[in-house]
Amino acid sequence: MHFTKAFKEREDLITDLAEAGLKIPNHARALGFLTRVGYHRSGAYRYVFRELLPADQINAAMREYRAATYMAGASIDHVITLEEFDMKLARICLDGT
């Protein structure tokens, strides 16, 4: 199997997120989050904070509705809070605790 993307360290991934407009107020917390959750799985939580594409740029066939950049004011803290809420909700639904 041939991979098309080069491996990136978590530090580089955090830099990429910051360059895309996601605020990283606490670098250590962001690093811990990516270590625990993973970059790709965190994408589900980051997705809602990405900017919406203008109507003329939406590609419904490819399911592209959001830009690669983040909304003004979006922070990794918002992403972490959303993931923590999701985990608590899943625990309540599955375990009843």
C-alpha atoms as a PDB file:
ATOM      1  CA  MET A   1       0.000   0.000   0.000  1.00  0.00           C
ATOM      2  CA  HIS A   2       1.335   3.419  -0.935  1.00  0.00           C
ATOM      3  CA  PHE A   3       0.647   6.257   1.484  1.00  0.00           C
ATOM      4  CA  THR A   4       0.200   9.750   0.039  1.00  0.00           C
ATOM      5  CA  LYS A   5       0.626  11.756   3.239  1.00  0.00           C
ATOM      6  CA  ALA A   6       3.831  12.025   5.178  1.00  0.00           C
ATOM      7  CA  PHE A   7       3.891  11.221   8.893  1.00  0.00           C
ATOM      8  CA  LYS A   8       3.676  14.260  11.164  1.00  0.00           C
ATOM      9  CA  GLU A   9       4.522  14.542  14.830  1.00  0.00           C
ATOM     10  CA  ARG A  10       1.798  15.831  17.165  1.00  0.00           C
ATOM     11  CA  GLU A  11       3.734  19.102  17.567  1.00  0.00           C
ATOM     12  CA  ASP A  12       3.526  19.650  13.801  1.00  0.00           C
ATOM     13  CA  LEU A  13      -0.198  18.795  13.796  1.00  0.00           C
ATOM     14  CA  ILE A  14      -0.810  21.402  16.500  1.00  0.00           C
ATOM     15  CA  THR A  15       1.087  23.932  14.390  1.00  0.00           C
ATOM     16  CA  ASP A  16      -1.081  23.032  11.379  1.00  0.00           C
ATOM     17  CA  LEU A  17      -4.244  23.546  13.421  1.00  0.00           C
ATOM     18  CA  ALA A  18      -3.027  26.927  14.630  1.00  0.00           C
ATOM     19  CA  GLU A  19      -2.156  27.975  11.076  1.00  0.00           C
ATOM     20  CA  ALA A  20      -5.691  27.008  10.000  1.00  0.00           C
ATOM     21  CA  GLY A  21      -7.061  29.433  12.599  1.00  0.00           C
ATOM     22  CA  LEU A  22      -7.766  27.198  15.611  1.00  0.00           C
ATOM     23  CA  LYS A  23      -6.574  28.963  18.757  1.00  0.00           C
ATOM     24  CA  ILE A  24      -4.242  26.921  20.985  1.00  0.00           C
ATOM     25  CA  PRO A  25      -4.194  28.776  24.343  1.00  0.00           C
ATOM     26  CA  ASN A  26      -2.647  25.859  26.263  1.00  0.00           C
ATOM     27  CA  HIS A  27      -0.136  23.929  24.177  1.00  0.00           C
ATOM     28  CA  ALA A  28       0.343  21.175  26.781  1.00  0.00           C
ATOM     29  CA  ARG A  29      -3.420  20.567  26.994  1.00  0.00           C
ATOM     30  CA  ALA A  30      -3.678  20.389  23.203  1.00  0.00           C
ATOM     31  CA  LEU A  31      -0.791  17.937  23.062  1.00  0.00           C
ATOM     32  CA  GLY A  32      -2.379  15.778  25.761  1.00  0.00           C
ATOM     33  CA  PHE A  33      -5.685  15.803  23.897  1.00  0.00           C
ATOM     34  CA  LEU A  34      -4.107  14.711  20.608  1.00  0.00           C
ATOM     35  CA  THR A  35      -2.157  12.026  22.446  1.00  0.00           C
ATOM     36  CA  ARG A  36      -5.311  10.681  24.119  1.00  0.00           C
ATOM     37  CA  VAL A  37      -7.809  11.062  21.292  1.00  0.00           C
ATOM     38  CA  GLY A  38      -5.686  11.163  18.141  1.00  0.00           C
ATOM     39  CA  TYR A  39      -5.622  13.678  15.317  1.00  0.00           C
ATOM     40  CA  HIS A  40      -8.043  11.942  12.970  1.00  0.00           C
ATOM     41  CA  ARG A  41     -10.615  11.031  15.616  1.00  0.00           C
ATOM     42  CA  SER A  42     -10.473  14.596  16.919  1.00  0.00           C
ATOM     43  CA  GLY A  43     -11.452  15.710  13.414  1.00  0.00           C
ATOM     44  CA  ALA A  44     -15.054  14.760  14.145  1.00  0.00           C
ATOM     45  CA  TYR A  45     -15.077  17.207  17.035  1.00  0.00           C
ATOM     46  CA  ARG A  46     -13.126  19.888  15.148  1.00  0.00           C
ATOM     47  CA  TYR A  47     -15.402  19.708  12.089  1.00  0.00           C
ATOM     48  CA  VAL A  48     -18.222  21.777  13.606  1.00  0.00           C
ATOM     49  CA  PHE A  49     -15.798  24.650  14.227  1.00  0.00           C
ATOM     50  CA  ARG A  50     -14.652  24.869  10.597  1.00  0.00           C
ATOM     51  CA  GLU A  51     -15.970  27.724   8.472  1.00  0.00           C
ATOM     52  CA  LEU A  52     -18.900  27.029   6.169  1.00  0.00           C
ATOM     53  CA  LEU A  53     -18.161  27.184   2.462  1.00  0.00           C
ATOM     54  CA  PRO A  54     -20.030  29.773   0.381  1.00  0.00           C
ATOM     55  CA  ALA A  55     -22.970  28.231  -1.505  1.00  0.00           C
ATOM     56  CA  ASP A  56     -21.146  28.415  -4.850  1.00  0.00           C
ATOM     57  CA  GLN A  57     -18.188  26.384  -3.475  1.00  0.00           C
ATOM     58  CA  ILE A  58     -20.170  23.531  -1.920  1.00  0.00           C
ATOM     59  CA  ASN A  59     -19.587  20.174  -3.570  1.00  0.00           C
ATOM     60  CA  ALA A  60     -22.482  17.971  -2.481  1.00  0.00           C
ATOM     61  CA  ALA A  61     -21.250  14.990  -4.513  1.00  0.00           C
ATOM     62  CA  MET A  62     -17.990  14.978  -2.513  1.00  0.00           C
ATOM     63  CA  ARG A  63     -19.798  16.054   0.697  1.00  0.00           C
ATOM     64  CA  GLU A  64     -17.659  19.183   0.998  1.00  0.00           C
ATOM     65  CA  TYR A  65     -19.563  21.789   2.985  1.00  0.00           C
ATOM     66  CA  ARG A  66     -16.838  23.272   5.189  1.00  0.00           C
ATOM     67  CA  ALA A  67     -13.526  25.012   4.550  1.00  0.00           C
ATOM     68  CA  ALA A  68     -10.198  23.844   5.949  1.00  0.00           C
ATOM     69  CA  THR A  69     -10.031  26.987   8.112  1.00  0.00           C
ATOM     70  CA  TYR A  70     -11.695  27.538  11.472  1.00  0.00           C
ATOM     71  CA  MET A  71     -14.331  30.055  12.556  1.00  0.00           C
ATOM     72  CA  ALA A  72     -13.140  33.196  14.305  1.00  0.00           C
ATOM     73  CA  GLY A  73     -12.751  32.544  18.017  1.00  0.00           C
ATOM     74  CA  ALA A  74     -12.682  28.734  17.695  1.00  0.00           C
ATOM     75  CA  SER A  75     -10.300  27.167  20.172  1.00  0.00           C
ATOM     76  CA  ILE A  76      -8.912  23.723  20.918  1.00  0.00           C
ATOM     77  CA  ASP A  77     -10.590  24.194  24.312  1.00  0.00           C
ATOM     78  CA  HIS A  78     -13.985  24.154  22.540  1.00  0.00           C
ATOM     79  CA  VAL A  79     -13.004  20.939  20.775  1.00  0.00           C
ATOM     80  CA  ILE A  80     -11.865  19.313  24.029  1.00  0.00           C
ATOM     81  CA  THR A  81     -15.075  20.346  25.811  1.00  0.00           C
ATOM     82  CA  LEU A  82     -17.172  18.838  23.019  1.00  0.00           C
ATOM     83  CA  GLU A  83     -15.221  15.565  23.131  1.00  0.00           C
ATOM     84  CA  GLU A  84     -15.523  15.375  26.929  1.00  0.00           C
ATOM     85  CA  PHE A  85     -19.296  15.949  26.695  1.00  0.00           C
ATOM     86  CA  ASP A  86     -19.577  13.232  24.042  1.00  0.00           C
ATOM     87  CA  MET A  87     -17.684  10.746  26.225  1.00  0.00           C
ATOM     88  CA  LYS A  88     -19.882  11.527  29.261  1.00  0.00           C
ATOM     89  CA  LEU A  89     -23.047  11.168  27.177  1.00  0.00           C
ATOM     90  CA  ALA A  90     -21.854   7.860  25.731  1.00  0.00           C
ATOM     91  CA  ARG A  91     -21.065   6.569  29.224  1.00  0.00           C
ATOM     92  CA  ILE A  92     -24.520   7.535  30.470  1.00  0.00           C
ATOM     93  CA  CYS A  93     -26.232   5.920  27.484  1.00  0.00           C
ATOM     94  CA  LEU A  94     -24.195   2.731  27.537  1.00  0.00           C
ATOM     95  CA  ASP A  95     -23.545   2.183  31.240  1.00  0.00           C
ATOM     96  CA  GLY A  96     -26.385   4.072  32.830  1.00  0.00           C
ATOM     97  CA  THR A  97     -23.957   5.785  35.215  1.00  0.00           C
END
